[in-house]
PDB file of N, CA and C in Angstrom:
ATOM      1  N   MET A   1     102.361 112.043 119.108  1.00  0.00           N
ATOM      2  CA  MET A   1     103.277 113.167 118.904  1.00  0.00           C
ATOM      3  C   MET A   1     102.915 113.939 117.669  1.00  0.00           C
ATOM      4  N   ALA A   2     102.360 115.074 117.774  1.00  0.00           N
ATOM      5  CA  ALA A   2     102.047 115.803 116.554  1.00  0.00           C
ATOM      6  C   ALA A   2     103.146 116.218 115.695  1.00  0.00           C
ATOM      7  N   ILE A   3     104.327 116.395 116.359  1.00  0.00           N
ATOM      8  CA  ILE A   3     105.542 116.801 115.597  1.00  0.00           C
ATOM      9  C   ILE A   3     105.961 115.625 114.643  1.00  0.00           C
ATOM     10  N   CYS A   4     105.686 114.410 115.026  1.00  0.00           N
ATOM     11  CA  CYS A   4     106.095 113.240 114.184  1.00  0.00           C
ATOM     12  C   CYS A   4     105.265 113.232 112.874  1.00  0.00           C
ATOM     13  N   THR A   5     104.055 113.657 112.964  1.00  0.00           N
ATOM     14  CA  THR A   5     103.226 113.614 111.802  1.00  0.00           C
ATOM     15  C   THR A   5     103.602 114.674 110.751  1.00  0.00           C
ATOM     16  N   ASN A   6     104.179 115.772 111.202  1.00  0.00           N
ATOM     17  CA  ASN A   6     104.587 116.844 110.345  1.00  0.00           C
ATOM     18  C   ASN A   6     106.164 116.982 110.196  1.00  0.00           C
ATOM     19  N   CYS A   7     106.840 115.998 110.620  1.00  0.00           N
ATOM     20  CA  CYS A   7     108.298 116.012 110.601  1.00  0.00           C
ATOM     21  C   CYS A   7     108.858 116.237 109.152  1.00  0.00           C
ATOM     22  N   PRO A   8     109.677 117.265 108.937  1.00  0.00           N
ATOM     23  CA  PRO A   8     110.265 117.473 107.597  1.00  0.00           C
ATOM     24  C   PRO A   8     111.191 116.459 107.160  1.00  0.00           C
ATOM     25  N   PHE A   9     111.863 115.766 108.085  1.00  0.00           N
ATOM     26  CA  PHE A   9     112.759 114.583 107.740  1.00  0.00           C
ATOM     27  C   PHE A   9     111.933 113.417 107.270  1.00  0.00           C
ATOM     28  N   ARG A  10     110.826 113.159 107.923  1.00  0.00           N
ATOM     29  CA  ARG A  10     109.850 112.117 107.550  1.00  0.00           C
ATOM     30  C   ARG A  10     109.278 112.432 106.068  1.00  0.00           C
ATOM     31  N   ALA A  11     109.005 113.671 105.859  1.00  0.00           N
ATOM     32  CA  ALA A  11     108.585 114.020 104.485  1.00  0.00           C
ATOM     33  C   ALA A  11     109.630 113.745 103.455  1.00  0.00           C
ATOM     34  N   GLN A  12     110.842 114.035 103.801  1.00  0.00           N
ATOM     35  CA  GLN A  12     112.013 113.800 102.945  1.00  0.00           C
ATOM     36  C   GLN A  12     112.124 112.266 102.667  1.00  0.00           C
ATOM     37  N   TYR A  13     111.943 111.475 103.666  1.00  0.00           N
ATOM     38  CA  TYR A  13     112.012 110.042 103.517  1.00  0.00           C
ATOM     39  C   TYR A  13     110.952 109.609 102.548  1.00  0.00           C
ATOM     40  N   LYS A  14     109.756 110.144 102.698  1.00  0.00           N
ATOM     41  CA  LYS A  14     108.672 109.774 101.789  1.00  0.00           C
ATOM     42  C   LYS A  14     108.928 110.097 100.304  1.00  0.00           C
ATOM     43  N   ARG A  15     109.517 111.214 100.110  1.00  0.00           N
ATOM     44  CA  ARG A  15     109.950 111.690  98.686  1.00  0.00           C
ATOM     45  C   ARG A  15     111.118 110.937  98.169  1.00  0.00           C
ATOM     46  N   ARG A  16     112.236 110.858  98.911  1.00  0.00           N
ATOM     47  CA  ARG A  16     113.461 110.234  98.471  1.00  0.00           C
ATOM     48  C   ARG A  16     114.089 109.432  99.627  1.00  0.00           C
ATOM     49  N   PRO A  17     113.657 108.162  99.773  1.00  0.00           N
ATOM     50  CA  PRO A  17     114.134 107.395 100.979  1.00  0.00           C
ATOM     51  C   PRO A  17     115.646 107.085 100.841  1.00  0.00           C
ATOM     52  N   ASN A  18     116.255 107.167  99.768  1.00  0.00           N
ATOM     53  CA  ASN A  18     117.717 106.976  99.702  1.00  0.00           C
ATOM     54  C   ASN A  18     118.564 108.147  99.856  1.00  0.00           C
ATOM     55  N   SER A  19     117.966 109.315 100.020  1.00  0.00           N
ATOM     56  CA  SER A  19     118.741 110.536 100.172  1.00  0.00           C
ATOM     57  C   SER A  19     119.353 110.523 101.559  1.00  0.00           C
ATOM     58  N   LEU A  20     120.291 111.403 101.783  1.00  0.00           N
ATOM     59  CA  LEU A  20     121.026 111.458 103.146  1.00  0.00           C
ATOM     60  C   LEU A  20     120.007 111.737 104.197  1.00  0.00           C
ATOM     61  N   LEU A  21     119.126 112.777 104.070  1.00  0.00           N
ATOM     62  CA  LEU A  21     118.203 113.116 105.089  1.00  0.00           C
ATOM     63  C   LEU A  21     117.107 111.963 105.288  1.00  0.00           C
ATOM     64  N   GLY A  22     116.770 111.328 104.174  1.00  0.00           N
ATOM     65  CA  GLY A  22     115.869 110.199 104.279  1.00  0.00           C
ATOM     66  C   GLY A  22     116.356 109.017 105.090  1.00  0.00           C
ATOM     67  N   ARG A  23     117.698 108.666 104.812  1.00  0.00           N
ATOM     68  CA  ARG A  23     118.272 107.650 105.573  1.00  0.00           C
ATOM     69  C   ARG A  23     118.591 108.052 106.996  1.00  0.00           C
ATOM     70  N   LEU A  24     118.929 109.310 107.195  1.00  0.00           N
ATOM     71  CA  LEU A  24     119.072 109.736 108.569  1.00  0.00           C
ATOM     72  C   LEU A  24     117.714 109.682 109.429  1.00  0.00           C
ATOM     73  N   TRP A  25     116.632 110.028 108.820  1.00  0.00           N
ATOM     74  CA  TRP A  25     115.334 109.839 109.502  1.00  0.00           C
ATOM     75  C   TRP A  25     115.071 108.401 109.772  1.00  0.00           C
ATOM     76  N   ARG A  26     115.363 107.528 108.769  1.00  0.00           N
ATOM     77  CA  ARG A  26     115.013 106.082 109.021  1.00  0.00           C
ATOM     78  C   ARG A  26     115.830 105.526 110.183  1.00  0.00           C
ATOM     79  N   TRP A  27     117.131 105.920 110.244  1.00  0.00           N
ATOM     80  CA  TRP A  27     117.952 105.530 111.374  1.00  0.00           C
ATOM     81  C   TRP A  27     117.462 106.100 112.700  1.00  0.00           C
ATOM     82  N   HIS A  28     117.100 107.381 112.664  1.00  0.00           N
ATOM     83  CA  HIS A  28     116.612 107.985 113.877  1.00  0.00           C
ATOM     84  C   HIS A  28     115.311 107.403 114.378  1.00  0.00           C
ATOM     85  N   ALA A  29     114.432 106.983 113.396  1.00  0.00           N
ATOM     86  CA  ALA A  29     113.086 106.458 113.811  1.00  0.00           C
ATOM     87  C   ALA A  29     113.233 105.144 114.572  1.00  0.00           C
ATOM     88  N   GLY A  30     114.388 104.483 114.349  1.00  0.00           N
ATOM     89  CA  GLY A  30     114.614 103.244 115.102  1.00  0.00           C
ATOM     90  C   GLY A  30     114.711 103.298 116.543  1.00  0.00           C
ATOM     91  N   TRP A  31     115.240 104.497 117.080  1.00  0.00           N
ATOM     92  CA  TRP A  31     115.447 104.643 118.453  1.00  0.00           C
ATOM     93  C   TRP A  31     114.751 105.814 119.067  1.00  0.00           C
ATOM     94  N   CYS A  32     114.191 106.672 118.303  1.00  0.00           N
ATOM     95  CA  CYS A  32     113.581 107.988 118.753  1.00  0.00           C
ATOM     96  C   CYS A  32     112.469 107.731 119.836  1.00  0.00           C
ATOM     97  N   PRO A  33     112.541 108.224 121.058  1.00  0.00           N
ATOM     98  CA  PRO A  33     111.478 107.979 122.009  1.00  0.00           C
ATOM     99  C   PRO A  33     110.214 108.712 121.604  1.00  0.00           C
ATOM    100  N   GLY A  34     110.250 109.805 120.879  1.00  0.00           N
ATOM    101  CA  GLY A  34     109.018 110.458 120.414  1.00  0.00           C
ATOM    102  C   GLY A  34     108.311 109.603 119.295  1.00  0.00           C
ATOM    103  N   TRP A  35     109.016 109.087 118.445  1.00  0.00           N
ATOM    104  CA  TRP A  35     108.465 108.214 117.375  1.00  0.00           C
ATOM    105  C   TRP A  35     107.874 106.959 118.010  1.00  0.00           C
ATOM    106  N   ASN A  36     108.640 106.389 118.988  1.00  0.00           N
ATOM    107  CA  ASN A  36     108.149 105.175 119.593  1.00  0.00           C
ATOM    108  C   ASN A  36     106.814 105.505 120.307  1.00  0.00           C
ATOM    109  N   ALA A  37     106.736 106.640 121.028  1.00  0.00           N
ATOM    110  CA  ALA A  37     105.430 106.959 121.736  1.00  0.00           C
ATOM    111  C   ALA A  37     104.292 107.287 120.656  1.00  0.00           C
ATOM    112  N   TYR A  38     104.670 107.891 119.508  1.00  0.00           N
ATOM    113  CA  TYR A  38     103.703 108.162 118.528  1.00  0.00           C
ATOM    114  C   TYR A  38     103.210 106.849 117.958  1.00  0.00           C
ATOM    115  N   MET A  39     104.060 105.931 117.649  1.00  0.00           N
ATOM    116  CA  MET A  39     103.642 104.625 117.077  1.00  0.00           C
ATOM    117  C   MET A  39     102.771 103.859 118.023  1.00  0.00           C
ATOM    118  N   LYS A  40     103.056 103.938 119.311  1.00  0.00           N
ATOM    119  CA  LYS A  40     102.337 103.162 120.354  1.00  0.00           C
ATOM    120  C   LYS A  40     100.965 103.870 120.537  1.00  0.00           C
ATOM    121  N   SER A  41     100.738 105.047 120.252  1.00  0.00           N
ATOM    122  CA  SER A  41      99.525 105.774 120.417  1.00  0.00           C
ATOM    123  C   SER A  41      98.507 105.510 119.258  1.00  0.00           C
ATOM    124  N   LEU A  42      99.058 104.968 118.170  1.00  0.00           N
ATOM    125  CA  LEU A  42      98.191 104.708 116.956  1.00  0.00           C
ATOM    126  C   LEU A  42      97.363 103.461 117.098  1.00  0.00           C
ATOM    127  N   PRO A  43      96.257 103.362 116.431  1.00  0.00           N
ATOM    128  CA  PRO A  43      95.497 102.120 116.393  1.00  0.00           C
ATOM    129  C   PRO A  43      96.343 101.014 115.723  1.00  0.00           C
ATOM    130  N   GLN A  44      96.091  99.789 116.060  1.00  0.00           N
ATOM    131  CA  GLN A  44      96.950  98.686 115.543  1.00  0.00           C
ATOM    132  C   GLN A  44      97.053  98.647 114.063  1.00  0.00           C
ATOM    133  N   GLU A  45      95.967  98.848 113.311  1.00  0.00           N
ATOM    134  CA  GLU A  45      95.950  98.797 111.843  1.00  0.00           C
ATOM    135  C   GLU A  45      96.794  99.990 111.260  1.00  0.00           C
ATOM    136  N   GLU A  46      96.689 101.114 111.736  1.00  0.00           N
ATOM    137  CA  GLU A  46      97.518 102.254 111.197  1.00  0.00           C
ATOM    138  C   GLU A  46      98.950 101.983 111.560  1.00  0.00           C
ATOM    139  N   ARG A  47      99.244 101.515 112.809  1.00  0.00           N
ATOM    140  CA  ARG A  47     100.625 101.177 113.225  1.00  0.00           C
ATOM    141  C   ARG A  47     101.266 100.260 112.314  1.00  0.00           C
ATOM    142  N   ALA A  48     100.511  99.111 111.949  1.00  0.00           N
ATOM    143  CA  ALA A  48     101.009  98.117 111.060  1.00  0.00           C
ATOM    144  C   ALA A  48     101.339  98.697 109.668  1.00  0.00           C
ATOM    145  N   ASP A  49     100.433  99.583 109.236  1.00  0.00           N
ATOM    146  CA  ASP A  49     100.658 100.152 107.913  1.00  0.00           C
ATOM    147  C   ASP A  49     101.878 100.970 107.828  1.00  0.00           C
ATOM    148  N   LEU A  50     102.070 101.816 108.837  1.00  0.00           N
ATOM    149  CA  LEU A  50     103.379 102.633 108.976  1.00  0.00           C
ATOM    150  C   LEU A  50     104.588 101.793 109.117  1.00  0.00           C
ATOM    151  N   ALA A  51     104.444 100.788 109.920  1.00  0.00           N
ATOM    152  CA  ALA A  51     105.610  99.934 110.159  1.00  0.00           C
ATOM    153  C   ALA A  51     105.991  99.250 108.831  1.00  0.00           C
ATOM    154  N   LYS A  52     104.996  98.872 108.040  1.00  0.00           N
ATOM    155  CA  LYS A  52     105.310  98.133 106.816  1.00  0.00           C
ATOM    156  C   LYS A  52     105.891  99.194 105.831  1.00  0.00           C
ATOM    157  N   ARG A  53     105.374 100.348 105.796  1.00  0.00           N
ATOM    158  CA  ARG A  53     105.794 101.400 104.842  1.00  0.00           C
ATOM    159  C   ARG A  53     107.227 101.879 105.175  1.00  0.00           C
ATOM    160  N   TYR A  54     107.556 101.931 106.477  1.00  0.00           N
ATOM    161  CA  TYR A  54     108.909 102.366 106.835  1.00  0.00           C
ATOM    162  C   TYR A  54     109.862 101.334 107.258  1.00  0.00           C
ATOM    163  N   GLN A  55     109.419 100.097 107.008  1.00  0.00           N
ATOM    164  CA  GLN A  55     110.239  98.894 107.333  1.00  0.00           C
ATOM    165  C   GLN A  55     110.677  98.840 108.749  1.00  0.00           C
ATOM    166  N   LEU A  56     109.833  99.126 109.687  1.00  0.00           N
ATOM    167  CA  LEU A  56     110.171  99.063 111.106  1.00  0.00           C
ATOM    168  C   LEU A  56     109.544  97.821 111.713  1.00  0.00           C
ATOM    169  N   LYS A  57     110.345  96.725 111.715  1.00  0.00           N
ATOM    170  CA  LYS A  57     109.838  95.431 112.112  1.00  0.00           C
ATOM    171  C   LYS A  57     109.402  95.293 113.535  1.00  0.00           C
ATOM    172  N   ARG A  58     109.903  96.178 114.403  1.00  0.00           N
ATOM    173  CA  ARG A  58     109.535  96.122 115.869  1.00  0.00           C
ATOM    174  C   ARG A  58     108.104  96.456 116.087  1.00  0.00           C
ATOM    175  N   PHE A  59     107.416  97.157 115.166  1.00  0.00           N
ATOM    176  CA  PHE A  59     106.056  97.618 115.349  1.00  0.00           C
ATOM    177  C   PHE A  59     105.090  96.711 114.684  1.00  0.00           C
ATOM    178  N   LEU A  60     105.533  95.622 113.962  1.00  0.00           N
ATOM    179  CA  LEU A  60     104.567  94.802 113.241  1.00  0.00           C
ATOM    180  C   LEU A  60     103.911  93.772 114.145  1.00  0.00           C
TER     181      LEU A  60
END
């Protein structure tokens, strides 16, 4: 999903993970079908890196 790579909420999470929008994106990423499809489309190494960075245990 190209939109997931340029998501403004994801960028907010990168800048300030404890902000309201950052926490909202983190919660949303846990169940978003687009994010899940995006993660599954990535190579294993990149997927593991993102999962570790965003603390998404289901993709490790």
